[in-house]
Amino acid sequence: MTPSQEKKIKRVLLLLLISPFVSGFLTAMIVFTQPDIMMSMGLAGMIGLWMISSIASYKAIKGYIFG
């Protein structure tokens, strides 16, 4: 393995570690600032929101890391 490949693998692992925390934080911010939205969405809506935010944060961090 070349050093550049190792660097990429480390970046991907870092990305996979960070993105759930970022999405969880974003979801928590929405829940605490808009509790009425959370009540109307229910659990399925919260899971959907978390999945969307985790995908979005994954893509954003990936774009930031890989340029």
PDB file of N, CA and C in Angstrom:
ATOM      1  N   MET A   1       0.838  -1.192   0.000  1.00  0.00           N
ATOM      2  CA  MET A   1       0.000   0.000   0.000  1.00  0.00           C
ATOM      3  C   MET A   1       0.879   1.250   0.000  1.00  0.00           C
ATOM      4  N   THR A   2       0.524   2.186  -0.835  1.00  0.00           N
ATOM      5  CA  THR A   2       1.296   3.430  -0.889  1.00  0.00           C
ATOM      6  C   THR A   2       0.854   4.356   0.239  1.00  0.00           C
ATOM      7  N   PRO A   3       1.707   5.291   0.626  1.00  0.00           N
ATOM      8  CA  PRO A   3       1.326   6.229   1.698  1.00  0.00           C
ATOM      9  C   PRO A   3       0.055   7.015   1.383  1.00  0.00           C
ATOM     10  N   SER A   4      -0.172   7.355   0.116  1.00  0.00           N
ATOM     11  CA  SER A   4      -1.378   8.117  -0.224  1.00  0.00           C
ATOM     12  C   SER A   4      -2.639   7.270  -0.033  1.00  0.00           C
ATOM     13  N   GLN A   5      -2.531   5.966  -0.304  1.00  0.00           N
ATOM     14  CA  GLN A   5      -3.675   5.080  -0.084  1.00  0.00           C
ATOM     15  C   GLN A   5      -3.970   4.942   1.407  1.00  0.00           C
ATOM     16  N   GLU A   6      -2.911   4.834   2.217  1.00  0.00           N
ATOM     17  CA  GLU A   6      -3.099   4.747   3.665  1.00  0.00           C
ATOM     18  C   GLU A   6      -3.771   6.003   4.190  1.00  0.00           C
ATOM     19  N   LYS A   7      -3.346   7.142   3.669  1.00  0.00           N
ATOM     20  CA  LYS A   7      -3.921   8.418   4.081  1.00  0.00           C
ATOM     21  C   LYS A   7      -5.410   8.461   3.754  1.00  0.00           C
ATOM     22  N   LYS A   8      -5.773   7.984   2.565  1.00  0.00           N
ATOM     23  CA  LYS A   8      -7.179   7.971   2.156  1.00  0.00           C
ATOM     24  C   LYS A   8      -7.999   7.065   3.061  1.00  0.00           C
ATOM     25  N   ILE A   9      -7.468   5.896   3.393  1.00  0.00           N
ATOM     26  CA  ILE A   9      -8.188   4.960   4.253  1.00  0.00           C
ATOM     27  C   ILE A   9      -8.400   5.566   5.639  1.00  0.00           C
ATOM     28  N   LYS A  10      -7.365   6.223   6.174  1.00  0.00           N
ATOM     29  CA  LYS A  10      -7.500   6.881   7.473  1.00  0.00           C
ATOM     30  C   LYS A  10      -8.558   7.967   7.422  1.00  0.00           C
ATOM     31  N   ARG A  11      -8.605   8.704   6.319  1.00  0.00           N
ATOM     32  CA  ARG A  11      -9.606   9.765   6.170  1.00  0.00           C
ATOM     33  C   ARG A  11     -11.010   9.187   6.113  1.00  0.00           C
ATOM     34  N   VAL A  12     -11.176   8.074   5.407  1.00  0.00           N
ATOM     35  CA  VAL A  12     -12.495   7.440   5.310  1.00  0.00           C
ATOM     36  C   VAL A  12     -12.951   6.949   6.680  1.00  0.00           C
ATOM     37  N   LEU A  13     -12.045   6.330   7.439  1.00  0.00           N
ATOM     38  CA  LEU A  13     -12.396   5.856   8.777  1.00  0.00           C
ATOM     39  C   LEU A  13     -12.776   7.018   9.683  1.00  0.00           C
ATOM     40  N   LEU A  14     -12.028   8.112   9.593  1.00  0.00           N
ATOM     41  CA  LEU A  14     -12.339   9.312  10.368  1.00  0.00           C
ATOM     42  C   LEU A  14     -13.714   9.842   9.985  1.00  0.00           C
ATOM     43  N   LEU A  15     -13.992   9.844   8.696  1.00  0.00           N
ATOM     44  CA  LEU A  15     -15.280  10.299   8.173  1.00  0.00           C
ATOM     45  C   LEU A  15     -16.417   9.452   8.727  1.00  0.00           C
ATOM     46  N   LEU A  16     -16.237   8.127   8.728  1.00  0.00           N
ATOM     47  CA  LEU A  16     -17.278   7.235   9.228  1.00  0.00           C
ATOM     48  C   LEU A  16     -17.483   7.405  10.731  1.00  0.00           C
ATOM     49  N   LEU A  17     -16.427   7.795  11.444  1.00  0.00           N
ATOM     50  CA  LEU A  17     -16.550   8.045  12.876  1.00  0.00           C
ATOM     51  C   LEU A  17     -17.281   9.349  13.165  1.00  0.00           C
ATOM     52  N   ILE A  18     -16.970  10.392  12.396  1.00  0.00           N
ATOM     53  CA  ILE A  18     -17.499  11.723  12.681  1.00  0.00           C
ATOM     54  C   ILE A  18     -18.954  11.901  12.247  1.00  0.00           C
ATOM     55  N   SER A  19     -19.319  11.384  11.067  1.00  0.00           N
ATOM     56  CA  SER A  19     -20.630  11.707  10.498  1.00  0.00           C
ATOM     57  C   SER A  19     -21.841  11.353  11.376  1.00  0.00           C
ATOM     58  N   PRO A  20     -21.869  10.214  12.090  1.00  0.00           N
ATOM     59  CA  PRO A  20     -23.037   9.966  12.950  1.00  0.00           C
ATOM     60  C   PRO A  20     -23.186  10.991  14.070  1.00  0.00           C
ATOM     61  N   PHE A  21     -22.058  11.465  14.623  1.00  0.00           N
ATOM     62  CA  PHE A  21     -22.124  12.455  15.690  1.00  0.00           C
ATOM     63  C   PHE A  21     -22.646  13.783  15.167  1.00  0.00           C
ATOM     64  N   VAL A  22     -22.182  14.166  13.973  1.00  0.00           N
ATOM     65  CA  VAL A  22     -22.642  15.414  13.365  1.00  0.00           C
ATOM     66  C   VAL A  22     -24.137  15.347  13.099  1.00  0.00           C
ATOM     67  N   SER A  23     -24.590  14.238  12.521  1.00  0.00           N
ATOM     68  CA  SER A  23     -26.013  14.110  12.205  1.00  0.00           C
ATOM     69  C   SER A  23     -26.856  14.033  13.475  1.00  0.00           C
ATOM     70  N   GLY A  24     -26.344  13.352  14.495  1.00  0.00           N
ATOM     71  CA  GLY A  24     -27.054  13.297  15.768  1.00  0.00           C
ATOM     72  C   GLY A  24     -27.183  14.667  16.394  1.00  0.00           C
ATOM     73  N   PHE A  25     -26.123  15.462  16.297  1.00  0.00           N
ATOM     74  CA  PHE A  25     -26.145  16.827  16.820  1.00  0.00           C
ATOM     75  C   PHE A  25     -27.163  17.675  16.063  1.00  0.00           C
ATOM     76  N   LEU A  26     -27.167  17.555  14.728  1.00  0.00           N
ATOM     77  CA  LEU A  26     -28.127  18.318  13.915  1.00  0.00           C
ATOM     78  C   LEU A  26     -29.559  17.927  14.262  1.00  0.00           C
ATOM     79  N   THR A  27     -29.800  16.631  14.409  1.00  0.00           N
ATOM     80  CA  THR A  27     -31.139  16.155  14.759  1.00  0.00           C
ATOM     81  C   THR A  27     -31.552  16.680  16.128  1.00  0.00           C
ATOM     82  N   ALA A  28     -30.626  16.647  17.090  1.00  0.00           N
ATOM     83  CA  ALA A  28     -30.919  17.150  18.430  1.00  0.00           C
ATOM     84  C   ALA A  28     -31.233  18.642  18.401  1.00  0.00           C
ATOM     85  N   MET A  29     -30.493  19.400  17.588  1.00  0.00           N
ATOM     86  CA  MET A  29     -30.756  20.837  17.472  1.00  0.00           C
ATOM     87  C   MET A  29     -32.170  21.084  16.961  1.00  0.00           C
ATOM     88  N   ILE A  30     -32.589  20.313  15.953  1.00  0.00           N
ATOM     89  CA  ILE A  30     -33.944  20.475  15.408  1.00  0.00           C
ATOM     90  C   ILE A  30     -34.980  20.105  16.468  1.00  0.00           C
ATOM     91  N   VAL A  31     -34.727  19.022  17.207  1.00  0.00           N
ATOM     92  CA  VAL A  31     -35.673  18.568  18.227  1.00  0.00           C
ATOM     93  C   VAL A  31     -35.840  19.619  19.323  1.00  0.00           C
ATOM     94  N   PHE A  32     -34.724  20.200  19.783  1.00  0.00           N
ATOM     95  CA  PHE A  32     -34.810  21.150  20.892  1.00  0.00           C
ATOM     96  C   PHE A  32     -35.346  22.511  20.463  1.00  0.00           C
ATOM     97  N   THR A  33     -35.097  22.899  19.205  1.00  0.00           N
ATOM     98  CA  THR A  33     -35.589  24.200  18.762  1.00  0.00           C
ATOM     99  C   THR A  33     -37.018  24.127  18.232  1.00  0.00           C
ATOM    100  N   GLN A  34     -37.417  22.963  17.696  1.00  0.00           N
ATOM    101  CA  GLN A  34     -38.768  22.795  17.135  1.00  0.00           C
ATOM    102  C   GLN A  34     -39.443  21.550  17.722  1.00  0.00           C
ATOM    103  N   PRO A  35     -39.789  21.560  19.007  1.00  0.00           N
ATOM    104  CA  PRO A  35     -40.381  20.346  19.605  1.00  0.00           C
ATOM    105  C   PRO A  35     -41.726  19.968  18.985  1.00  0.00           C
ATOM    106  N   ASP A  36     -42.487  20.973  18.493  1.00  0.00           N
ATOM    107  CA  ASP A  36     -43.788  20.657  17.893  1.00  0.00           C
ATOM    108  C   ASP A  36     -43.634  19.838  16.611  1.00  0.00           C
ATOM    109  N   ILE A  37     -42.554  20.083  15.862  1.00  0.00           N
ATOM    110  CA  ILE A  37     -42.278  19.288  14.659  1.00  0.00           C
ATOM    111  C   ILE A  37     -42.014  17.840  15.061  1.00  0.00           C
ATOM    112  N   MET A  38     -41.254  17.659  16.125  1.00  0.00           N
ATOM    113  CA  MET A  38     -40.930  16.314  16.592  1.00  0.00           C
ATOM    114  C   MET A  38     -42.199  15.570  17.000  1.00  0.00           C
ATOM    115  N   MET A  39     -43.102  16.267  17.690  1.00  0.00           N
ATOM    116  CA  MET A  39     -44.344  15.628  18.137  1.00  0.00           C
ATOM    117  C   MET A  39     -45.181  15.158  16.947  1.00  0.00           C
ATOM    118  N   SER A  40     -45.232  15.979  15.902  1.00  0.00           N
ATOM    119  CA  SER A  40     -46.069  15.617  14.756  1.00  0.00           C
ATOM    120  C   SER A  40     -45.426  14.525  13.897  1.00  0.00           C
ATOM    121  N   MET A  41     -44.095  14.463  13.885  1.00  0.00           N
ATOM    122  CA  MET A  41     -43.408  13.467  13.057  1.00  0.00           C
ATOM    123  C   MET A  41     -43.438  12.077  13.668  1.00  0.00           C
ATOM    124  N   GLY A  42     -43.255  12.006  14.968  1.00  0.00           N
ATOM    125  CA  GLY A  42     -43.193  10.713  15.620  1.00  0.00           C
ATOM    126  C   GLY A  42     -41.828  10.061  15.443  1.00  0.00           C
ATOM    127  N   LEU A  43     -41.724   8.808  15.866  1.00  0.00           N
ATOM    128  CA  LEU A  43     -40.440   8.099  15.850  1.00  0.00           C
ATOM    129  C   LEU A  43     -39.946   7.838  14.431  1.00  0.00           C
ATOM    130  N   ALA A  44     -40.854   7.432  13.539  1.00  0.00           N
ATOM    131  CA  ALA A  44     -40.452   7.137  12.161  1.00  0.00           C
ATOM    132  C   ALA A  44     -39.890   8.386  11.494  1.00  0.00           C
ATOM    133  N   GLY A  45     -40.515   9.519  11.747  1.00  0.00           N
ATOM    134  CA  GLY A  45     -40.031  10.782  11.195  1.00  0.00           C
ATOM    135  C   GLY A  45     -38.666  11.145  11.741  1.00  0.00           C
ATOM    136  N   MET A  46     -38.457  10.874  13.030  1.00  0.00           N
ATOM    137  CA  MET A  46     -37.159  11.177  13.641  1.00  0.00           C
ATOM    138  C   MET A  46     -36.067  10.302  13.036  1.00  0.00           C
ATOM    139  N   ILE A  47     -36.364   9.027  12.828  1.00  0.00           N
ATOM    140  CA  ILE A  47     -35.381   8.122  12.226  1.00  0.00           C
ATOM    141  C   ILE A  47     -35.071   8.568  10.800  1.00  0.00           C
ATOM    142  N   GLY A  48     -36.112   8.949  10.055  1.00  0.00           N
ATOM    143  CA  GLY A  48     -35.919   9.441   8.691  1.00  0.00           C
ATOM    144  C   GLY A  48     -35.070  10.697   8.674  1.00  0.00           C
ATOM    145  N   LEU A  49     -35.368  11.603   9.601  1.00  0.00           N
ATOM    146  CA  LEU A  49     -34.613  12.855   9.700  1.00  0.00           C
ATOM    147  C   LEU A  49     -33.152  12.565  10.028  1.00  0.00           C
ATOM    148  N   TRP A  50     -32.923  11.625  10.962  1.00  0.00           N
ATOM    149  CA  TRP A  50     -31.556  11.274  11.332  1.00  0.00           C
ATOM    150  C   TRP A  50     -30.815  10.668  10.149  1.00  0.00           C
ATOM    151  N   MET A  51     -31.498   9.811   9.378  1.00  0.00           N
ATOM    152  CA  MET A  51     -30.853   9.195   8.212  1.00  0.00           C
ATOM    153  C   MET A  51     -30.494  10.244   7.167  1.00  0.00           C
ATOM    154  N   ILE A  52     -31.430  11.168   6.904  1.00  0.00           N
ATOM    155  CA  ILE A  52     -31.162  12.222   5.916  1.00  0.00           C
ATOM    156  C   ILE A  52     -29.995  13.085   6.376  1.00  0.00           C
ATOM    157  N   SER A  53     -29.998  13.471   7.658  1.00  0.00           N
ATOM    158  CA  SER A  53     -28.918  14.333   8.150  1.00  0.00           C
ATOM    159  C   SER A  53     -27.588  13.584   8.190  1.00  0.00           C
ATOM    160  N   SER A  54     -27.612  12.271   8.440  1.00  0.00           N
ATOM    161  CA  SER A  54     -26.351  11.523   8.449  1.00  0.00           C
ATOM    162  C   SER A  54     -25.783  11.411   7.038  1.00  0.00           C
ATOM    163  N   ILE A  55     -26.659  11.223   6.049  1.00  0.00           N
ATOM    164  CA  ILE A  55     -26.191  11.178   4.657  1.00  0.00           C
ATOM    165  C   ILE A  55     -25.636  12.539   4.253  1.00  0.00           C
ATOM    166  N   ALA A  56     -26.352  13.602   4.624  1.00  0.00           N
ATOM    167  CA  ALA A  56     -25.913  14.956   4.271  1.00  0.00           C
ATOM    168  C   ALA A  56     -24.581  15.290   4.930  1.00  0.00           C
ATOM    169  N   SER A  57     -24.436  14.952   6.219  1.00  0.00           N
ATOM    170  CA  SER A  57     -23.181  15.261   6.913  1.00  0.00           C
ATOM    171  C   SER A  57     -22.041  14.403   6.363  1.00  0.00           C
ATOM    172  N   TYR A  58     -22.341  13.158   5.994  1.00  0.00           N
ATOM    173  CA  TYR A  58     -21.329  12.285   5.387  1.00  0.00           C
ATOM    174  C   TYR A  58     -20.801  12.913   4.099  1.00  0.00           C
ATOM    175  N   LYS A  59     -21.718  13.381   3.247  1.00  0.00           N
ATOM    176  CA  LYS A  59     -21.301  13.981   1.978  1.00  0.00           C
ATOM    177  C   LYS A  59     -20.542  15.282   2.211  1.00  0.00           C
ATOM    178  N   ALA A  60     -20.996  16.076   3.186  1.00  0.00           N
ATOM    179  CA  ALA A  60     -20.331  17.351   3.463  1.00  0.00           C
ATOM    180  C   ALA A  60     -18.915  17.129   3.984  1.00  0.00           C
ATOM    181  N   ILE A  61     -18.758  16.190   4.931  1.00  0.00           N
ATOM    182  CA  ILE A  61     -17.432  15.916   5.496  1.00  0.00           C
ATOM    183  C   ILE A  61     -16.539  15.285   4.427  1.00  0.00           C
ATOM    184  N   LYS A  62     -17.114  14.400   3.600  1.00  0.00           N
ATOM    185  CA  LYS A  62     -16.352  13.770   2.521  1.00  0.00           C
ATOM    186  C   LYS A  62     -15.833  14.831   1.553  1.00  0.00           C
ATOM    187  N   GLY A  63     -16.699  15.778   1.203  1.00  0.00           N
ATOM    188  CA  GLY A  63     -16.283  16.863   0.320  1.00  0.00           C
ATOM    189  C   GLY A  63     -15.199  17.715   0.945  1.00  0.00           C
ATOM    190  N   TYR A  64     -15.311  17.926   2.267  1.00  0.00           N
ATOM    191  CA  TYR A  64     -14.317  18.739   2.976  1.00  0.00           C
ATOM    192  C   TYR A  64     -12.971  18.022   3.047  1.00  0.00           C
ATOM    193  N   ILE A  65     -12.997  16.714   3.334  1.00  0.00           N
ATOM    194  CA  ILE A  65     -11.746  15.962   3.487  1.00  0.00           C
ATOM    195  C   ILE A  65     -11.061  15.748   2.138  1.00  0.00           C
ATOM    196  N   PHE A  66     -11.819  15.320   1.134  1.00  0.00           N
ATOM    197  CA  PHE A  66     -11.207  14.966  -0.152  1.00  0.00           C
ATOM    198  C   PHE A  66     -11.112  16.136  -1.124  1.00  0.00           C
ATOM    199  N   GLY A  67     -11.729  17.248  -0.761  1.00  0.00           N
ATOM    200  CA  GLY A  67     -11.609  18.461  -1.573  1.00  0.00           C
ATOM    201  C   GLY A  67     -12.409  18.467  -2.837  1.00  0.00           C
TER     202      GLY A  67
END
